[in-house]
Amino acid sequence: MVNIPTLITFSRILLIPLFILVVAARPLFGTFIFALASVTDLLDGYIARKSKQVTKLGVLLDPLADKLLVISALIVLVDMGLIDAWIAIVIIAREFIVIGLRIAALSKDIIIPAEMGGKIKTVTQFVSIFILLIARSPLISFDYLDDIGIVLLSIGMLIGIVSGIQYFILFWKRV
């Protein structure tokens, strides 16, 4: 069933191509689009829970939208020379593994919802990507902003690895 939270989630997915197209040429505008897309993650979940409109589609689509946004941003950051490719590869590999586990579970009518480690990982990645993008803005001149972004992204990567292992364990317990 499509409801307001699901439409908000779809809007996050629709913002991704716009973000990709503008961020390199207009970093501040691209950062704004990324921030807007990131905020929709909080908004759709809040509205879904508050209005009791949590659906199976939303439970599956929300983390997929998050993953698409993060993966797109990581590829852009590698292309812009802001992060090393290996960091993006580790994070993206984890995302594909978790997607695969969720699809395999779904084929057995098991839904594996997002767990706290995954949510913390997502927020950490959103914040670190935002910091790395905003550091490109001509309006910002804080010397260590890139370093803070890289440290946070590394922390998000480690949290992602741990939560990925937790998903794997949960998958095998339920299957």
N, C-alpha and C. Protein backbone atom coordinates (compact mmCIF):
# COMPACT_ATOMS: atom_id res chain seq x y z
N MET A 1 0.84 -1.19 0.00
CA MET A 1 0.00 0.00 0.00
C MET A 1 0.88 1.25 0.00
N VAL A 2 0.55 2.18 -0.87
CA VAL A 2 1.32 3.42 -0.95
C VAL A 2 0.63 4.46 -0.05
N ASN A 3 1.40 5.02 0.87
CA ASN A 3 0.90 6.03 1.79
C ASN A 3 1.90 7.18 1.83
N ILE A 4 1.66 8.16 2.69
CA ILE A 4 2.53 9.35 2.78
C ILE A 4 3.98 8.96 3.11
N PRO A 5 4.22 8.12 4.13
CA PRO A 5 5.62 7.74 4.40
C PRO A 5 6.31 7.07 3.20
N THR A 6 5.57 6.24 2.48
CA THR A 6 6.15 5.57 1.31
C THR A 6 6.45 6.59 0.20
N LEU A 7 5.57 7.56 0.02
CA LEU A 7 5.82 8.61 -0.97
C LEU A 7 7.06 9.43 -0.60
N ILE A 8 7.24 9.67 0.70
CA ILE A 8 8.43 10.39 1.15
C ILE A 8 9.68 9.56 0.84
N THR A 9 9.59 8.26 1.06
CA THR A 9 10.71 7.37 0.74
C THR A 9 11.02 7.42 -0.76
N PHE A 10 9.97 7.37 -1.59
CA PHE A 10 10.17 7.48 -3.04
C PHE A 10 10.83 8.81 -3.40
N SER A 11 10.47 9.88 -2.69
CA SER A 11 11.08 11.18 -2.99
C SER A 11 12.59 11.14 -2.75
N ARG A 12 13.02 10.38 -1.71
CA ARG A 12 14.46 10.23 -1.45
C ARG A 12 15.14 9.60 -2.65
N ILE A 13 14.53 8.58 -3.19
CA ILE A 13 15.10 7.90 -4.36
C ILE A 13 15.15 8.85 -5.56
N LEU A 14 14.10 9.66 -5.73
CA LEU A 14 14.05 10.58 -6.86
C LEU A 14 15.06 11.73 -6.73
N LEU A 15 15.47 12.06 -5.51
CA LEU A 15 16.47 13.12 -5.31
C LEU A 15 17.89 12.66 -5.68
N ILE A 16 18.13 11.36 -5.71
CA ILE A 16 19.48 10.84 -5.96
C ILE A 16 20.04 11.29 -7.31
N PRO A 17 19.32 11.12 -8.43
CA PRO A 17 19.90 11.58 -9.71
C PRO A 17 20.20 13.08 -9.73
N LEU A 18 19.32 13.88 -9.12
CA LEU A 18 19.57 15.32 -9.06
C LEU A 18 20.84 15.61 -8.27
N PHE A 19 21.00 14.94 -7.12
CA PHE A 19 22.21 15.08 -6.31
C PHE A 19 23.45 14.76 -7.15
N ILE A 20 23.44 13.63 -7.84
CA ILE A 20 24.59 13.20 -8.64
C ILE A 20 24.92 14.22 -9.72
N LEU A 21 23.89 14.76 -10.35
CA LEU A 21 24.10 15.69 -11.45
C LEU A 21 24.69 17.03 -11.02
N VAL A 22 24.36 17.51 -9.81
CA VAL A 22 24.77 18.86 -9.45
C VAL A 22 25.93 18.97 -8.47
N VAL A 23 26.21 17.91 -7.70
CA VAL A 23 27.13 18.06 -6.58
C VAL A 23 28.55 18.46 -6.99
N ALA A 24 29.06 17.94 -8.08
CA ALA A 24 30.45 18.27 -8.46
C ALA A 24 30.58 19.73 -8.90
N ALA A 25 29.61 20.21 -9.68
CA ALA A 25 29.67 21.58 -10.20
C ALA A 25 29.20 22.61 -9.17
N ARG A 26 28.22 22.22 -8.34
CA ARG A 26 27.66 23.13 -7.35
C ARG A 26 27.59 22.41 -6.00
N PRO A 27 28.75 22.31 -5.32
CA PRO A 27 28.83 21.51 -4.09
C PRO A 27 27.84 21.92 -3.00
N LEU A 28 27.60 23.20 -2.83
CA LEU A 28 26.68 23.64 -1.78
C LEU A 28 25.25 23.20 -2.09
N PHE A 29 24.83 23.36 -3.34
CA PHE A 29 23.49 22.92 -3.74
C PHE A 29 23.38 21.39 -3.66
N GLY A 30 24.42 20.70 -4.10
CA GLY A 30 24.44 19.23 -4.00
C GLY A 30 24.37 18.76 -2.56
N THR A 31 25.07 19.47 -1.68
CA THR A 31 25.04 19.14 -0.25
C THR A 31 23.65 19.36 0.31
N PHE A 32 22.99 20.43 -0.12
CA PHE A 32 21.62 20.69 0.32
C PHE A 32 20.69 19.56 -0.12
N ILE A 33 20.82 19.12 -1.36
CA ILE A 33 19.98 18.03 -1.86
C ILE A 33 20.25 16.76 -1.06
N PHE A 34 21.53 16.47 -0.80
CA PHE A 34 21.86 15.29 0.00
C PHE A 34 21.26 15.40 1.40
N ALA A 35 21.37 16.58 2.02
CA ALA A 35 20.82 16.78 3.36
C ALA A 35 19.30 16.61 3.34
N LEU A 36 18.65 17.16 2.34
CA LEU A 36 17.20 17.02 2.21
C LEU A 36 16.81 15.55 2.08
N ALA A 37 17.52 14.83 1.23
CA ALA A 37 17.24 13.40 1.05
C ALA A 37 17.47 12.65 2.36
N SER A 38 18.52 13.01 3.08
CA SER A 38 18.81 12.35 4.35
C SER A 38 17.71 12.59 5.38
N VAL A 39 17.21 13.81 5.41
CA VAL A 39 16.16 14.15 6.38
C VAL A 39 14.87 13.38 6.08
N THR A 40 14.62 13.08 4.82
CA THR A 40 13.41 12.30 4.50
C THR A 40 13.45 10.93 5.16
N ASP A 41 14.65 10.43 5.45
CA ASP A 41 14.77 9.14 6.13
C ASP A 41 14.19 9.22 7.53
N LEU A 42 14.46 10.30 8.22
CA LEU A 42 13.89 10.50 9.57
C LEU A 42 12.39 10.75 9.48
N LEU A 43 12.00 11.55 8.50
CA LEU A 43 10.62 11.96 8.38
C LEU A 43 9.69 10.79 8.03
N ASP A 44 10.08 9.97 7.05
CA ASP A 44 9.18 8.88 6.66
C ASP A 44 8.97 7.88 7.79
N GLY A 45 10.03 7.56 8.49
CA GLY A 45 9.91 6.62 9.61
C GLY A 45 9.08 7.18 10.75
N TYR A 46 9.31 8.45 11.06
CA TYR A 46 8.55 9.10 12.14
C TYR A 46 7.05 9.10 11.81
N ILE A 47 6.71 9.53 10.60
CA ILE A 47 5.30 9.61 10.21
C ILE A 47 4.68 8.21 10.18
N ALA A 48 5.42 7.23 9.65
CA ALA A 48 4.89 5.86 9.57
C ALA A 48 4.57 5.32 10.95
N ARG A 49 5.48 5.53 11.90
CA ARG A 49 5.25 5.02 13.26
C ARG A 49 4.15 5.80 13.97
N LYS A 50 4.21 7.12 13.86
CA LYS A 50 3.26 7.98 14.57
C LYS A 50 1.83 7.76 14.08
N SER A 51 1.67 7.58 12.77
CA SER A 51 0.33 7.42 12.20
C SER A 51 -0.05 5.95 12.00
N LYS A 52 0.80 5.06 12.51
CA LYS A 52 0.57 3.61 12.39
C LYS A 52 0.36 3.19 10.93
N GLN A 53 1.25 3.72 10.06
CA GLN A 53 1.20 3.40 8.64
C GLN A 53 2.43 2.62 8.20
N VAL A 54 2.97 1.81 9.09
CA VAL A 54 4.12 0.97 8.75
C VAL A 54 3.61 -0.15 7.85
N THR A 55 4.20 -0.27 6.65
CA THR A 55 3.79 -1.30 5.70
C THR A 55 4.98 -2.18 5.35
N LYS A 56 4.70 -3.35 4.79
CA LYS A 56 5.78 -4.23 4.33
C LYS A 56 6.60 -3.53 3.25
N LEU A 57 5.91 -2.82 2.35
CA LEU A 57 6.62 -2.08 1.30
C LEU A 57 7.56 -1.04 1.91
N GLY A 58 7.08 -0.32 2.90
CA GLY A 58 7.90 0.70 3.55
C GLY A 58 9.08 0.09 4.28
N VAL A 59 8.85 -1.04 4.95
CA VAL A 59 9.93 -1.72 5.69
C VAL A 59 11.03 -2.16 4.73
N LEU A 60 10.67 -2.53 3.52
CA LEU A 60 11.67 -2.96 2.53
C LEU A 60 12.25 -1.78 1.76
N LEU A 61 11.41 -0.82 1.40
CA LEU A 61 11.84 0.28 0.54
C LEU A 61 12.72 1.29 1.27
N ASP A 62 12.42 1.57 2.54
CA ASP A 62 13.18 2.57 3.29
C ASP A 62 14.67 2.25 3.36
N PRO A 63 15.06 1.04 3.79
CA PRO A 63 16.51 0.78 3.82
C PRO A 63 17.12 0.73 2.41
N LEU A 64 16.33 0.32 1.42
CA LEU A 64 16.85 0.31 0.05
C LEU A 64 17.14 1.74 -0.41
N ALA A 65 16.24 2.66 -0.11
CA ALA A 65 16.45 4.07 -0.47
C ALA A 65 17.70 4.61 0.23
N ASP A 66 17.88 4.25 1.51
CA ASP A 66 19.07 4.67 2.24
C ASP A 66 20.33 4.17 1.55
N LYS A 67 20.31 2.89 1.20
CA LYS A 67 21.49 2.28 0.57
C LYS A 67 21.79 2.94 -0.77
N LEU A 68 20.76 3.20 -1.57
CA LEU A 68 20.97 3.85 -2.86
C LEU A 68 21.57 5.25 -2.68
N LEU A 69 21.08 5.98 -1.69
CA LEU A 69 21.61 7.33 -1.44
C LEU A 69 23.06 7.27 -0.99
N VAL A 70 23.37 6.39 -0.05
CA VAL A 70 24.74 6.28 0.45
C VAL A 70 25.68 5.79 -0.65
N ILE A 71 25.28 4.76 -1.38
CA ILE A 71 26.13 4.23 -2.45
C ILE A 71 26.41 5.30 -3.50
N SER A 72 25.37 6.03 -3.90
CA SER A 72 25.55 7.11 -4.89
C SER A 72 26.53 8.16 -4.37
N ALA A 73 26.35 8.56 -3.12
CA ALA A 73 27.23 9.58 -2.54
C ALA A 73 28.66 9.07 -2.44
N LEU A 74 28.84 7.81 -2.06
CA LEU A 74 30.20 7.26 -1.97
C LEU A 74 30.90 7.27 -3.32
N ILE A 75 30.17 6.88 -4.35
CA ILE A 75 30.75 6.88 -5.70
C ILE A 75 31.13 8.30 -6.11
N VAL A 76 30.28 9.26 -5.81
CA VAL A 76 30.57 10.66 -6.10
C VAL A 76 31.81 11.12 -5.33
N LEU A 77 31.90 10.74 -4.04
CA LEU A 77 33.05 11.14 -3.22
C LEU A 77 34.35 10.54 -3.75
N VAL A 78 34.30 9.29 -4.21
CA VAL A 78 35.50 8.67 -4.81
C VAL A 78 35.86 9.43 -6.08
N ASP A 79 34.86 9.72 -6.92
CA ASP A 79 35.09 10.43 -8.17
C ASP A 79 35.69 11.82 -7.93
N MET A 80 35.25 12.46 -6.85
CA MET A 80 35.76 13.79 -6.52
C MET A 80 37.12 13.72 -5.81
N GLY A 81 37.61 12.51 -5.53
CA GLY A 81 38.89 12.35 -4.86
C GLY A 81 38.84 12.64 -3.37
N LEU A 82 37.65 12.58 -2.77
CA LEU A 82 37.51 12.91 -1.35
C LEU A 82 37.67 11.71 -0.42
N ILE A 83 37.44 10.51 -0.94
CA ILE A 83 37.65 9.30 -0.14
C ILE A 83 38.36 8.26 -0.99
N ASP A 84 39.03 7.33 -0.32
CA ASP A 84 39.68 6.24 -1.03
C ASP A 84 38.63 5.23 -1.50
N ALA A 85 38.89 4.64 -2.65
CA ALA A 85 37.94 3.69 -3.23
C ALA A 85 37.70 2.49 -2.32
N TRP A 86 38.72 2.05 -1.58
CA TRP A 86 38.55 0.84 -0.76
C TRP A 86 37.49 1.03 0.32
N ILE A 87 37.39 2.26 0.85
CA ILE A 87 36.36 2.54 1.86
C ILE A 87 34.98 2.38 1.24
N ALA A 88 34.81 2.96 0.06
CA ALA A 88 33.53 2.84 -0.64
C ALA A 88 33.23 1.38 -0.96
N ILE A 89 34.23 0.63 -1.39
CA ILE A 89 34.02 -0.78 -1.75
C ILE A 89 33.57 -1.59 -0.55
N VAL A 90 34.20 -1.39 0.60
CA VAL A 90 33.81 -2.14 1.81
C VAL A 90 32.37 -1.81 2.19
N ILE A 91 32.02 -0.54 2.19
CA ILE A 91 30.68 -0.12 2.58
C ILE A 91 29.65 -0.64 1.57
N ILE A 92 29.94 -0.51 0.29
CA ILE A 92 29.01 -0.96 -0.74
C ILE A 92 28.86 -2.48 -0.71
N ALA A 93 29.95 -3.20 -0.51
CA ALA A 93 29.86 -4.67 -0.42
C ALA A 93 28.96 -5.09 0.73
N ARG A 94 29.11 -4.43 1.87
CA ARG A 94 28.25 -4.73 3.02
C ARG A 94 26.79 -4.50 2.67
N GLU A 95 26.50 -3.40 1.97
CA GLU A 95 25.12 -3.09 1.61
C GLU A 95 24.54 -4.15 0.69
N PHE A 96 25.31 -4.61 -0.29
CA PHE A 96 24.81 -5.64 -1.20
C PHE A 96 24.60 -6.98 -0.47
N ILE A 97 25.47 -7.29 0.46
CA ILE A 97 25.31 -8.52 1.24
C ILE A 97 24.01 -8.47 2.06
N VAL A 98 23.78 -7.34 2.72
CA VAL A 98 22.56 -7.20 3.53
C VAL A 98 21.31 -7.24 2.63
N ILE A 99 21.37 -6.57 1.48
CA ILE A 99 20.25 -6.63 0.54
C ILE A 99 20.00 -8.08 0.12
N GLY A 100 21.06 -8.79 -0.18
CA GLY A 100 20.93 -10.21 -0.56
C GLY A 100 20.29 -11.04 0.54
N LEU A 101 20.72 -10.81 1.79
CA LEU A 101 20.12 -11.53 2.92
C LEU A 101 18.64 -11.21 3.05
N ARG A 102 18.30 -9.95 2.90
CA ARG A 102 16.88 -9.55 3.01
C ARG A 102 16.04 -10.17 1.91
N ILE A 103 16.57 -10.22 0.71
CA ILE A 103 15.84 -10.82 -0.41
C ILE A 103 15.68 -12.32 -0.17
N ALA A 104 16.74 -12.98 0.27
CA ALA A 104 16.66 -14.42 0.56
C ALA A 104 15.64 -14.68 1.67
N ALA A 105 15.63 -13.84 2.69
CA ALA A 105 14.67 -14.00 3.79
C ALA A 105 13.25 -13.76 3.27
N LEU A 106 13.09 -12.74 2.44
CA LEU A 106 11.78 -12.43 1.90
C LEU A 106 11.23 -13.58 1.06
N SER A 107 12.12 -14.27 0.36
CA SER A 107 11.68 -15.42 -0.45
C SER A 107 11.11 -16.53 0.42
N LYS A 108 11.40 -16.49 1.71
CA LYS A 108 10.87 -17.45 2.68
C LYS A 108 9.81 -16.79 3.57
N ASP A 109 9.27 -15.64 3.09
CA ASP A 109 8.26 -14.87 3.82
C ASP A 109 8.73 -14.40 5.18
N ILE A 110 10.03 -14.10 5.29
CA ILE A 110 10.60 -13.56 6.52
C ILE A 110 11.07 -12.15 6.23
N ILE A 111 10.60 -11.21 7.03
CA ILE A 111 11.05 -9.82 6.88
C ILE A 111 12.05 -9.53 7.98
N ILE A 112 13.24 -9.11 7.58
CA ILE A 112 14.26 -8.73 8.56
C ILE A 112 14.27 -7.21 8.61
N PRO A 113 13.68 -6.64 9.66
CA PRO A 113 13.62 -5.18 9.75
C PRO A 113 14.98 -4.59 10.11
N ALA A 114 15.09 -3.29 9.88
CA ALA A 114 16.31 -2.59 10.26
C ALA A 114 16.50 -2.70 11.77
N GLU A 115 17.73 -2.94 12.19
CA GLU A 115 18.02 -3.01 13.62
C GLU A 115 18.87 -1.80 14.02
N MET A 116 19.04 -1.61 15.29
CA MET A 116 19.65 -0.38 15.80
C MET A 116 21.05 -0.13 15.23
N GLY A 117 21.88 -1.18 15.13
CA GLY A 117 23.22 -1.01 14.57
C GLY A 117 23.18 -0.47 13.15
N GLY A 118 22.25 -0.99 12.36
CA GLY A 118 22.09 -0.51 10.99
C GLY A 118 21.63 0.93 10.93
N LYS A 119 20.75 1.30 11.86
CA LYS A 119 20.27 2.69 11.91
C LYS A 119 21.39 3.64 12.31
N ILE A 120 22.19 3.24 13.30
CA ILE A 120 23.32 4.07 13.72
C ILE A 120 24.32 4.20 12.59
N LYS A 121 24.57 3.11 11.89
CA LYS A 121 25.47 3.13 10.74
C LYS A 121 25.00 4.11 9.69
N THR A 122 23.70 4.07 9.40
CA THR A 122 23.14 4.95 8.38
C THR A 122 23.28 6.42 8.78
N VAL A 123 22.93 6.74 10.00
CA VAL A 123 23.04 8.13 10.46
C VAL A 123 24.50 8.59 10.43
N THR A 124 25.41 7.73 10.88
CA THR A 124 26.84 8.06 10.88
C THR A 124 27.32 8.31 9.45
N GLN A 125 26.89 7.47 8.52
CA GLN A 125 27.29 7.65 7.13
C GLN A 125 26.70 8.92 6.55
N PHE A 126 25.41 9.19 6.82
CA PHE A 126 24.80 10.42 6.33
C PHE A 126 25.56 11.65 6.84
N VAL A 127 25.87 11.67 8.13
CA VAL A 127 26.56 12.82 8.72
C VAL A 127 27.97 12.96 8.13
N SER A 128 28.68 11.85 8.01
CA SER A 128 30.05 11.92 7.48
C SER A 128 30.06 12.38 6.02
N ILE A 129 29.12 11.88 5.23
CA ILE A 129 29.03 12.30 3.83
C ILE A 129 28.68 13.78 3.75
N PHE A 130 27.75 14.22 4.58
CA PHE A 130 27.39 15.64 4.62
C PHE A 130 28.62 16.49 4.94
N ILE A 131 29.39 16.08 5.94
CA ILE A 131 30.59 16.83 6.33
C ILE A 131 31.59 16.87 5.18
N LEU A 132 31.81 15.74 4.52
CA LEU A 132 32.75 15.71 3.40
C LEU A 132 32.28 16.59 2.25
N LEU A 133 30.98 16.61 2.02
CA LEU A 133 30.44 17.45 0.93
C LEU A 133 30.50 18.93 1.30
N ILE A 134 30.11 19.26 2.52
CA ILE A 134 30.08 20.67 2.92
C ILE A 134 31.49 21.24 2.99
N ALA A 135 32.47 20.38 3.20
CA ALA A 135 33.87 20.84 3.21
C ALA A 135 34.30 21.38 1.85
N ARG A 136 33.58 21.01 0.79
CA ARG A 136 33.88 21.49 -0.56
C ARG A 136 33.28 22.86 -0.82
N SER A 137 32.43 23.31 0.06
CA SER A 137 31.75 24.59 -0.14
C SER A 137 32.75 25.74 0.03
N PRO A 138 32.66 26.72 -0.83
CA PRO A 138 33.55 27.87 -0.69
C PRO A 138 33.23 28.70 0.56
N LEU A 139 32.07 28.47 1.17
CA LEU A 139 31.68 29.23 2.36
C LEU A 139 32.27 28.66 3.65
N ILE A 140 32.77 27.44 3.57
CA ILE A 140 33.29 26.77 4.75
C ILE A 140 34.82 26.76 4.68
N SER A 141 35.47 27.17 5.76
CA SER A 141 36.93 27.15 5.78
C SER A 141 37.43 26.62 7.13
N PHE A 142 37.08 25.40 7.41
CA PHE A 142 37.52 24.73 8.64
C PHE A 142 38.52 23.66 8.22
N ASP A 143 39.78 23.82 8.64
CA ASP A 143 40.87 22.99 8.13
C ASP A 143 40.69 21.49 8.32
N TYR A 144 40.09 21.08 9.41
CA TYR A 144 40.03 19.66 9.72
C TYR A 144 38.70 19.00 9.37
N LEU A 145 37.86 19.68 8.64
CA LEU A 145 36.54 19.13 8.32
C LEU A 145 36.65 17.83 7.51
N ASP A 146 37.56 17.79 6.54
CA ASP A 146 37.76 16.55 5.76
C ASP A 146 38.16 15.39 6.67
N ASP A 147 39.08 15.66 7.59
CA ASP A 147 39.54 14.61 8.50
C ASP A 147 38.40 14.10 9.38
N ILE A 148 37.58 15.02 9.87
CA ILE A 148 36.44 14.62 10.69
C ILE A 148 35.49 13.75 9.88
N GLY A 149 35.24 14.15 8.63
CA GLY A 149 34.37 13.37 7.75
C GLY A 149 34.90 11.97 7.50
N ILE A 150 36.21 11.85 7.27
CA ILE A 150 36.82 10.54 7.01
C ILE A 150 36.76 9.67 8.27
N VAL A 151 37.05 10.25 9.42
CA VAL A 151 36.99 9.48 10.67
C VAL A 151 35.57 8.98 10.92
N LEU A 152 34.59 9.85 10.75
CA LEU A 152 33.20 9.43 10.94
C LEU A 152 32.78 8.36 9.93
N LEU A 153 33.22 8.52 8.68
CA LEU A 153 32.90 7.52 7.66
C LEU A 153 33.53 6.18 8.01
N SER A 154 34.75 6.21 8.53
CA SER A 154 35.42 4.97 8.96
C SER A 154 34.67 4.31 10.12
N ILE A 155 34.20 5.14 11.05
CA ILE A 155 33.41 4.61 12.17
C ILE A 155 32.11 3.99 11.63
N GLY A 156 31.47 4.70 10.70
CA GLY A 156 30.26 4.16 10.07
C GLY A 156 30.52 2.85 9.36
N MET A 157 31.70 2.75 8.71
CA MET A 157 32.06 1.51 8.03
C MET A 157 32.20 0.37 9.03
N LEU A 158 32.88 0.63 10.15
CA LEU A 158 33.06 -0.41 11.17
C LEU A 158 31.72 -0.82 11.80
N ILE A 159 30.87 0.16 12.09
CA ILE A 159 29.54 -0.16 12.62
C ILE A 159 28.77 -0.99 11.59
N GLY A 160 28.92 -0.64 10.33
CA GLY A 160 28.27 -1.38 9.25
C GLY A 160 28.71 -2.82 9.18
N ILE A 161 30.01 -3.06 9.36
CA ILE A 161 30.52 -4.43 9.33
C ILE A 161 29.93 -5.22 10.49
N VAL A 162 29.92 -4.62 11.68
CA VAL A 162 29.36 -5.31 12.86
C VAL A 162 27.88 -5.58 12.66
N SER A 163 27.13 -4.57 12.21
CA SER A 163 25.69 -4.78 12.03
C SER A 163 25.41 -5.76 10.90
N GLY A 164 26.29 -5.79 9.89
CA GLY A 164 26.15 -6.77 8.81
C GLY A 164 26.29 -8.19 9.34
N ILE A 165 27.23 -8.38 10.24
CA ILE A 165 27.39 -9.70 10.89
C ILE A 165 26.14 -10.04 11.70
N GLN A 166 25.58 -9.03 12.38
CA GLN A 166 24.34 -9.25 13.14
C GLN A 166 23.18 -9.65 12.23
N TYR A 167 23.06 -9.01 11.07
CA TYR A 167 22.03 -9.39 10.10
C TYR A 167 22.22 -10.84 9.66
N PHE A 168 23.47 -11.20 9.41
CA PHE A 168 23.78 -12.56 8.96
C PHE A 168 23.36 -13.57 10.02
N ILE A 169 23.67 -13.30 11.28
CA ILE A 169 23.30 -14.19 12.38
C ILE A 169 21.78 -14.27 12.51
N LEU A 170 21.11 -13.12 12.45
CA LEU A 170 19.65 -13.08 12.54
C LEU A 170 19.02 -13.87 11.39
N PHE A 171 19.58 -13.70 10.19
CA PHE A 171 19.07 -14.43 9.02
C PHE A 171 19.14 -15.94 9.27
N TRP A 172 20.29 -16.43 9.72
CA TRP A 172 20.44 -17.88 9.91
C TRP A 172 19.58 -18.41 11.05
N LYS A 173 19.32 -17.57 12.07
CA LYS A 173 18.42 -18.00 13.15
C LYS A 173 16.98 -18.14 12.67
N ARG A 174 16.57 -17.24 11.76
CA ARG A 174 15.19 -17.25 11.28
C ARG A 174 14.96 -18.24 10.16
N VAL A 175 16.00 -18.57 9.42
CA VAL A 175 15.86 -19.52 8.32
C VAL A 175 16.06 -20.90 8.87
